[in-house]
Structures are given as C-alpha cells and as structure tokens.
Amino acid sequence: MREVGLLLRDRGDFRGSGQAMETSQAIFAALGDALWTARVLASKATLEELRGGDPVSLTQEAEDICRQHGIGTDKDIASALKEW
C-alpha cells in the first residue's frame, strides 16, 4: 500500500495517496513493524510538503522511531527512511 501511495503521490493524486499511506501505516502498526511505520511517516511528510503543509511533525516522528530502534546517526536515519 505504501508503494501505491507513492505512485499516486507522484501522479498528483494527493487524496488517493494519503488514503493509501494511511492504510499502509495501519497495516505496519498492526504488524508491529516500527521501521516500516517510520518509512510511511517519512513518505507522508513528503506528501504533506507537496500539499503545502508542514511536514516537520511527521518527519520528527519518523526519526524518533528510528532512534528508539537503534538507528542513531543522521546519515543512518536518512538511509533508513529513503524512498526506494
């Protein structure tokens, strides 16, 4: 679902992208997968910025999750959250 959200975002369907990313975040949270939850939050931050909003809180939440799970340096966090 995250990949669908990225595709929709890149195609300009911000509403559909947001819905797909919300679903993706819920799935990863239910699975207890913190790293993928953080990745979705980072993608949601990019979407929020494209919408003209403030991505800071989403970015901070994603980075905090990384730090809580042993990813400590800024370089490692950026690598973990990078979209691919």
N, C-alpha and C. Protein backbone atom coordinates (compact mmCIF):
# COMPACT_ATOMS: atom_id res chain seq x y z
N MET A 1 0.82 -1.20 0.00
CA MET A 1 0.00 0.00 0.00
C MET A 1 0.86 1.27 0.00
N ARG A 2 2.01 1.20 0.67
CA ARG A 2 2.89 2.38 0.65
C ARG A 2 3.31 2.69 -0.78
N GLU A 3 3.67 1.66 -1.52
CA GLU A 3 4.11 1.88 -2.90
C GLU A 3 2.98 2.47 -3.74
N VAL A 4 1.75 2.03 -3.50
CA VAL A 4 0.60 2.61 -4.20
C VAL A 4 0.49 4.09 -3.83
N GLY A 5 0.68 4.39 -2.56
CA GLY A 5 0.65 5.78 -2.12
C GLY A 5 1.72 6.63 -2.79
N LEU A 6 2.91 6.07 -2.93
CA LEU A 6 3.99 6.80 -3.61
C LEU A 6 3.65 7.04 -5.07
N LEU A 7 3.12 6.02 -5.71
CA LEU A 7 2.74 6.14 -7.12
C LEU A 7 1.66 7.21 -7.30
N LEU A 8 0.64 7.14 -6.47
CA LEU A 8 -0.44 8.13 -6.57
C LEU A 8 0.07 9.54 -6.28
N ARG A 9 0.95 9.65 -5.31
CA ARG A 9 1.53 10.96 -4.98
C ARG A 9 2.29 11.50 -6.19
N ASP A 10 3.13 10.65 -6.79
CA ASP A 10 3.93 11.08 -7.93
C ASP A 10 3.08 11.41 -9.14
N ARG A 11 1.88 10.87 -9.20
CA ARG A 11 0.96 11.17 -10.30
C ARG A 11 0.05 12.35 -9.99
N GLY A 12 0.22 12.93 -8.79
CA GLY A 12 -0.55 14.12 -8.43
C GLY A 12 -1.86 13.85 -7.72
N ASP A 13 -2.16 12.59 -7.43
CA ASP A 13 -3.39 12.25 -6.71
C ASP A 13 -3.10 12.25 -5.22
N PHE A 14 -3.07 13.43 -4.64
CA PHE A 14 -2.69 13.57 -3.24
C PHE A 14 -3.72 12.95 -2.30
N ARG A 15 -4.98 13.04 -2.65
CA ARG A 15 -6.03 12.45 -1.80
C ARG A 15 -5.89 10.93 -1.78
N GLY A 16 -5.79 10.33 -2.94
CA GLY A 16 -5.63 8.88 -3.03
C GLY A 16 -4.35 8.42 -2.37
N SER A 17 -3.29 9.20 -2.54
CA SER A 17 -2.01 8.89 -1.92
C SER A 17 -2.14 8.88 -0.40
N GLY A 18 -2.79 9.90 0.13
CA GLY A 18 -2.97 9.98 1.58
C GLY A 18 -3.75 8.80 2.12
N GLN A 19 -4.78 8.39 1.40
CA GLN A 19 -5.58 7.24 1.83
C GLN A 19 -4.74 5.96 1.82
N ALA A 20 -3.98 5.76 0.76
CA ALA A 20 -3.14 4.56 0.67
C ALA A 20 -2.08 4.55 1.77
N MET A 21 -1.50 5.71 2.05
CA MET A 21 -0.48 5.77 3.09
C MET A 21 -1.07 5.56 4.48
N GLU A 22 -2.28 6.06 4.70
CA GLU A 22 -2.95 5.81 5.99
C GLU A 22 -3.18 4.31 6.18
N THR A 23 -3.63 3.65 5.12
CA THR A 23 -3.85 2.20 5.19
C THR A 23 -2.54 1.48 5.43
N SER A 24 -1.51 1.88 4.73
CA SER A 24 -0.20 1.28 4.89
C SER A 24 0.31 1.44 6.32
N GLN A 25 0.17 2.63 6.87
CA GLN A 25 0.63 2.87 8.23
C GLN A 25 -0.13 1.99 9.22
N ALA A 26 -1.42 1.84 9.02
CA ALA A 26 -2.21 1.00 9.91
C ALA A 26 -1.77 -0.46 9.82
N ILE A 27 -1.46 -0.93 8.63
CA ILE A 27 -1.01 -2.31 8.46
C ILE A 27 0.31 -2.53 9.18
N PHE A 28 1.29 -1.65 8.95
CA PHE A 28 2.59 -1.82 9.58
C PHE A 28 2.50 -1.68 11.10
N ALA A 29 1.65 -0.78 11.57
CA ALA A 29 1.48 -0.64 13.02
C ALA A 29 0.87 -1.92 13.61
N ALA A 30 -0.12 -2.48 12.93
CA ALA A 30 -0.74 -3.72 13.41
C ALA A 30 0.25 -4.87 13.43
N LEU A 31 1.17 -4.87 12.49
CA LEU A 31 2.20 -5.91 12.44
C LEU A 31 3.32 -5.66 13.46
N GLY A 32 3.34 -4.46 14.03
CA GLY A 32 4.40 -4.11 14.96
C GLY A 32 5.72 -3.81 14.29
N ASP A 33 5.67 -3.43 13.02
CA ASP A 33 6.88 -3.15 12.25
C ASP A 33 7.19 -1.65 12.33
N ALA A 34 8.02 -1.30 13.30
CA ALA A 34 8.33 0.10 13.57
C ALA A 34 9.08 0.77 12.42
N LEU A 35 10.05 0.08 11.82
CA LEU A 35 10.83 0.70 10.76
C LEU A 35 9.96 1.05 9.56
N TRP A 36 9.08 0.13 9.17
CA TRP A 36 8.21 0.44 8.04
C TRP A 36 7.17 1.49 8.40
N THR A 37 6.76 1.53 9.66
CA THR A 37 5.87 2.62 10.09
C THR A 37 6.59 3.94 9.95
N ALA A 38 7.86 3.99 10.34
CA ALA A 38 8.66 5.21 10.20
C ALA A 38 8.81 5.60 8.73
N ARG A 39 9.02 4.62 7.88
CA ARG A 39 9.15 4.91 6.44
C ARG A 39 7.86 5.51 5.88
N VAL A 40 6.74 4.98 6.30
CA VAL A 40 5.46 5.53 5.84
C VAL A 40 5.31 6.97 6.34
N LEU A 41 5.67 7.21 7.59
CA LEU A 41 5.58 8.57 8.12
C LEU A 41 6.46 9.53 7.32
N ALA A 42 7.63 9.09 6.93
CA ALA A 42 8.52 9.94 6.13
C ALA A 42 7.89 10.23 4.76
N SER A 43 7.25 9.22 4.19
CA SER A 43 6.57 9.43 2.90
C SER A 43 5.38 10.36 3.06
N LYS A 44 4.68 10.22 4.18
CA LYS A 44 3.56 11.13 4.45
C LYS A 44 4.06 12.56 4.64
N ALA A 45 5.26 12.72 5.20
CA ALA A 45 5.84 14.05 5.35
C ALA A 45 6.09 14.69 3.99
N THR A 46 6.61 13.91 3.06
CA THR A 46 6.83 14.42 1.70
C THR A 46 5.51 14.83 1.06
N LEU A 47 4.50 14.00 1.23
CA LEU A 47 3.16 14.32 0.71
C LEU A 47 2.64 15.61 1.33
N GLU A 48 2.79 15.74 2.63
CA GLU A 48 2.30 16.94 3.32
C GLU A 48 2.99 18.19 2.78
N GLU A 49 4.28 18.09 2.53
CA GLU A 49 5.02 19.22 1.98
C GLU A 49 4.50 19.57 0.58
N LEU A 50 4.24 18.56 -0.24
CA LEU A 50 3.71 18.81 -1.58
C LEU A 50 2.32 19.44 -1.53
N ARG A 51 1.57 19.13 -0.50
CA ARG A 51 0.24 19.73 -0.31
C ARG A 51 0.32 21.16 0.19
N GLY A 52 1.53 21.60 0.55
CA GLY A 52 1.71 22.95 1.07
C GLY A 52 1.63 23.01 2.58
N GLY A 53 1.63 21.85 3.22
CA GLY A 53 1.56 21.80 4.67
C GLY A 53 2.93 21.74 5.32
N ASP A 54 2.92 21.52 6.60
CA ASP A 54 4.15 21.47 7.39
C ASP A 54 4.49 20.01 7.70
N PRO A 55 5.59 19.50 7.13
CA PRO A 55 5.95 18.10 7.32
C PRO A 55 6.76 17.81 8.59
N VAL A 56 7.08 18.83 9.35
CA VAL A 56 8.05 18.69 10.44
C VAL A 56 7.62 17.64 11.47
N SER A 57 6.38 17.64 11.91
CA SER A 57 5.98 16.70 12.95
C SER A 57 6.04 15.26 12.46
N LEU A 58 5.67 15.02 11.20
CA LEU A 58 5.75 13.67 10.64
C LEU A 58 7.20 13.22 10.50
N THR A 59 8.04 14.12 10.03
CA THR A 59 9.47 13.81 9.90
C THR A 59 10.08 13.50 11.26
N GLN A 60 9.75 14.32 12.24
CA GLN A 60 10.28 14.13 13.59
C GLN A 60 9.83 12.80 14.18
N GLU A 61 8.57 12.45 13.98
CA GLU A 61 8.06 11.17 14.48
C GLU A 61 8.79 9.99 13.84
N ALA A 62 9.01 10.08 12.54
CA ALA A 62 9.73 9.01 11.83
C ALA A 62 11.16 8.89 12.36
N GLU A 63 11.83 10.01 12.54
CA GLU A 63 13.21 10.00 13.05
C GLU A 63 13.26 9.48 14.49
N ASP A 64 12.29 9.85 15.29
CA ASP A 64 12.24 9.38 16.68
C ASP A 64 12.08 7.86 16.74
N ILE A 65 11.25 7.31 15.88
CA ILE A 65 11.07 5.86 15.83
C ILE A 65 12.40 5.19 15.48
N CYS A 66 13.10 5.75 14.52
CA CYS A 66 14.41 5.20 14.15
C CYS A 66 15.35 5.19 15.35
N ARG A 67 15.45 6.31 16.04
CA ARG A 67 16.35 6.41 17.18
C ARG A 67 15.96 5.40 18.28
N GLN A 68 14.66 5.23 18.50
CA GLN A 68 14.19 4.29 19.52
C GLN A 68 14.55 2.85 19.17
N HIS A 69 14.83 2.60 17.90
CA HIS A 69 15.14 1.25 17.46
C HIS A 69 16.60 1.09 17.02
N GLY A 70 17.46 1.97 17.57
CA GLY A 70 18.89 1.79 17.40
C GLY A 70 19.52 2.40 16.17
N ILE A 71 18.77 3.17 15.42
CA ILE A 71 19.33 3.86 14.25
C ILE A 71 19.62 5.28 14.73
N GLY A 72 20.89 5.56 15.01
CA GLY A 72 21.19 6.77 15.75
C GLY A 72 21.76 7.94 14.99
N THR A 73 22.53 7.71 13.95
CA THR A 73 23.14 8.84 13.27
C THR A 73 22.20 9.41 12.21
N ASP A 74 22.36 10.69 11.94
CA ASP A 74 21.52 11.33 10.93
C ASP A 74 21.67 10.64 9.57
N LYS A 75 22.89 10.24 9.25
CA LYS A 75 23.14 9.56 7.98
C LYS A 75 22.39 8.23 7.92
N ASP A 76 22.44 7.46 8.99
CA ASP A 76 21.74 6.17 9.02
C ASP A 76 20.23 6.34 8.99
N ILE A 77 19.74 7.37 9.67
CA ILE A 77 18.30 7.64 9.65
C ILE A 77 17.86 8.01 8.24
N ALA A 78 18.61 8.88 7.59
CA ALA A 78 18.28 9.27 6.21
C ALA A 78 18.27 8.06 5.30
N SER A 79 19.23 7.17 5.49
CA SER A 79 19.28 5.96 4.68
C SER A 79 18.09 5.05 4.94
N ALA A 80 17.72 4.91 6.21
CA ALA A 80 16.59 4.04 6.57
C ALA A 80 15.27 4.56 6.05
N LEU A 81 15.14 5.88 5.97
CA LEU A 81 13.86 6.50 5.58
C LEU A 81 13.80 6.83 4.09
N LYS A 82 14.87 6.61 3.38
CA LYS A 82 14.92 6.95 1.95
C LYS A 82 13.91 6.11 1.17
N GLU A 83 13.21 6.78 0.28
CA GLU A 83 12.25 6.06 -0.58
C GLU A 83 13.02 5.36 -1.70
N TRP A 84 12.65 4.10 -1.94
CA TRP A 84 13.28 3.31 -2.99
C TRP A 84 12.30 2.39 -3.61
